[in-house]
Amino acid sequence: MHKLLLISLLLNIAPLQAASLADPTQPSLGGTASASGTSQHALTLNATYMGKTDRYAIINGVKLREGETLGHIRLQRIRHKSVDISADDRTQTLQLNDLIVKTR
């Protein structure tokens, strides 16, 4: 009886824990988009991809290549764990969270 209760409890807890994990490649549910297409909150680097012939970054859930813009933000350079962006004659580096970096 106790084993059955324990198994039932474990099976019900596992989906709750998995639901609380966020996929870093998916758009954030928080924040609201402005008319310019960027979030009114801070910019977040969700992922980077650097292949032999293609490279892109996902910022606030939007896939961008070097030189493309998101609202008034221009993606200048993509690196393995960071990107350089510019806006209003200022350059800023966005970093990936080291806890979620996945390499092949």
Protein backbone atom coordinates (compact mmCIF):
# COMPACT_ATOMS: atom_id res chain seq x y z
CA MET A 1 0.00 0.00 0.00
CA HIS A 2 2.79 2.43 0.90
CA LYS A 3 4.66 1.67 -2.32
CA LEU A 4 1.57 2.41 -4.37
CA LEU A 5 1.04 5.71 -2.54
CA LEU A 6 4.70 6.68 -3.02
CA ILE A 7 4.63 5.87 -6.75
CA SER A 8 1.41 7.83 -7.19
CA LEU A 9 2.89 10.81 -5.35
CA LEU A 10 6.08 10.77 -7.46
CA LEU A 11 4.14 10.55 -10.72
CA ASN A 12 2.06 13.57 -9.76
CA ILE A 13 5.02 15.73 -8.67
CA ALA A 14 7.25 15.18 -11.75
CA PRO A 15 4.99 17.07 -14.22
CA LEU A 16 4.74 20.01 -11.81
CA GLN A 17 8.53 20.32 -11.65
CA ALA A 18 8.90 20.03 -15.43
CA ALA A 19 6.26 22.72 -15.99
CA SER A 20 8.30 25.22 -13.97
CA LEU A 21 11.35 24.90 -16.26
CA ALA A 22 11.59 27.51 -19.01
CA ASP A 23 12.84 26.70 -22.51
CA PRO A 24 15.49 29.37 -23.27
CA THR A 25 14.82 29.16 -27.01
CA GLN A 26 11.15 30.10 -26.64
CA PRO A 27 9.83 33.65 -26.22
CA SER A 28 9.44 34.85 -22.68
CA LEU A 29 5.89 35.06 -21.37
CA GLY A 30 6.72 38.16 -19.33
CA GLY A 31 6.74 41.69 -20.64
CA THR A 32 4.75 43.36 -23.36
CA ALA A 33 5.82 44.13 -26.88
CA SER A 34 5.92 47.74 -27.94
CA ALA A 35 5.10 49.08 -31.39
CA SER A 36 8.79 48.92 -32.31
CA GLY A 37 8.83 45.14 -31.78
CA THR A 38 11.10 45.09 -28.74
CA SER A 39 10.10 44.33 -25.19
CA GLN A 40 9.64 47.16 -22.76
CA HIS A 41 11.83 45.16 -20.36
CA ALA A 42 15.54 44.37 -20.63
CA LEU A 43 16.82 42.51 -23.68
CA THR A 44 17.59 38.83 -23.15
CA LEU A 45 19.88 36.67 -25.23
CA ASN A 46 18.01 33.36 -25.42
CA ALA A 47 20.33 31.37 -27.73
CA THR A 48 23.09 31.57 -30.31
CA TYR A 49 23.81 29.26 -33.25
CA MET A 50 27.10 29.25 -35.11
CA GLY A 51 27.22 26.80 -38.01
CA LYS A 52 29.67 26.52 -40.89
CA THR A 53 27.57 28.67 -43.22
CA ASP A 54 24.94 30.23 -40.95
CA ARG A 55 24.87 31.99 -37.62
CA TYR A 56 22.02 33.61 -35.74
CA ALA A 57 20.96 34.70 -32.29
CA ILE A 58 17.61 34.64 -30.57
CA ILE A 59 16.96 37.82 -28.61
CA ASN A 60 13.69 38.15 -26.70
CA GLY A 61 12.39 35.20 -28.69
CA VAL A 62 13.20 36.72 -32.11
CA LYS A 63 15.69 35.07 -34.49
CA LEU A 64 18.21 37.56 -35.88
CA ARG A 65 21.31 37.38 -38.07
CA GLU A 66 24.20 39.84 -37.96
CA GLY A 67 23.13 43.23 -39.32
CA GLU A 68 19.39 42.65 -38.74
CA THR A 69 17.34 44.84 -36.44
CA LEU A 70 14.77 44.33 -33.71
CA GLY A 71 12.99 47.64 -33.34
CA HIS A 72 15.81 50.17 -32.97
CA ILE A 73 18.36 47.53 -31.87
CA ARG A 74 20.87 46.28 -34.47
CA LEU A 75 22.66 42.95 -34.01
CA GLN A 76 26.32 43.72 -34.75
CA ARG A 77 28.21 40.51 -33.94
CA ILE A 78 27.42 36.96 -32.80
CA ARG A 79 29.82 34.95 -30.65
CA HIS A 80 29.49 31.52 -29.02
CA LYS A 81 28.10 32.82 -25.69
CA SER A 82 27.38 36.49 -26.41
CA VAL A 83 26.29 39.07 -28.96
CA ASP A 84 27.06 42.73 -29.53
CA ILE A 85 24.08 44.98 -30.18
CA SER A 86 23.90 48.68 -30.89
CA ALA A 87 21.30 51.39 -30.54
CA ASP A 88 21.52 55.16 -30.45
CA ASP A 89 25.30 55.12 -31.13
CA ARG A 90 25.92 52.86 -28.09
CA THR A 91 27.14 49.26 -28.14
CA GLN A 92 26.20 46.67 -25.54
CA THR A 93 27.10 43.00 -25.09
CA LEU A 94 24.42 40.50 -24.14
CA GLN A 95 25.63 37.29 -22.48
CA LEU A 96 24.05 33.84 -22.39
CA ASN A 97 23.32 32.45 -18.96
CA ASP A 98 26.10 29.87 -18.34
CA LEU A 99 23.61 27.52 -16.71
CA ILE A 100 21.77 26.96 -19.98
CA VAL A 101 24.60 26.83 -22.53
CA LYS A 102 24.33 23.73 -24.72
CA THR A 103 27.05 22.76 -27.15
CA ARG A 104 27.30 19.96 -29.66
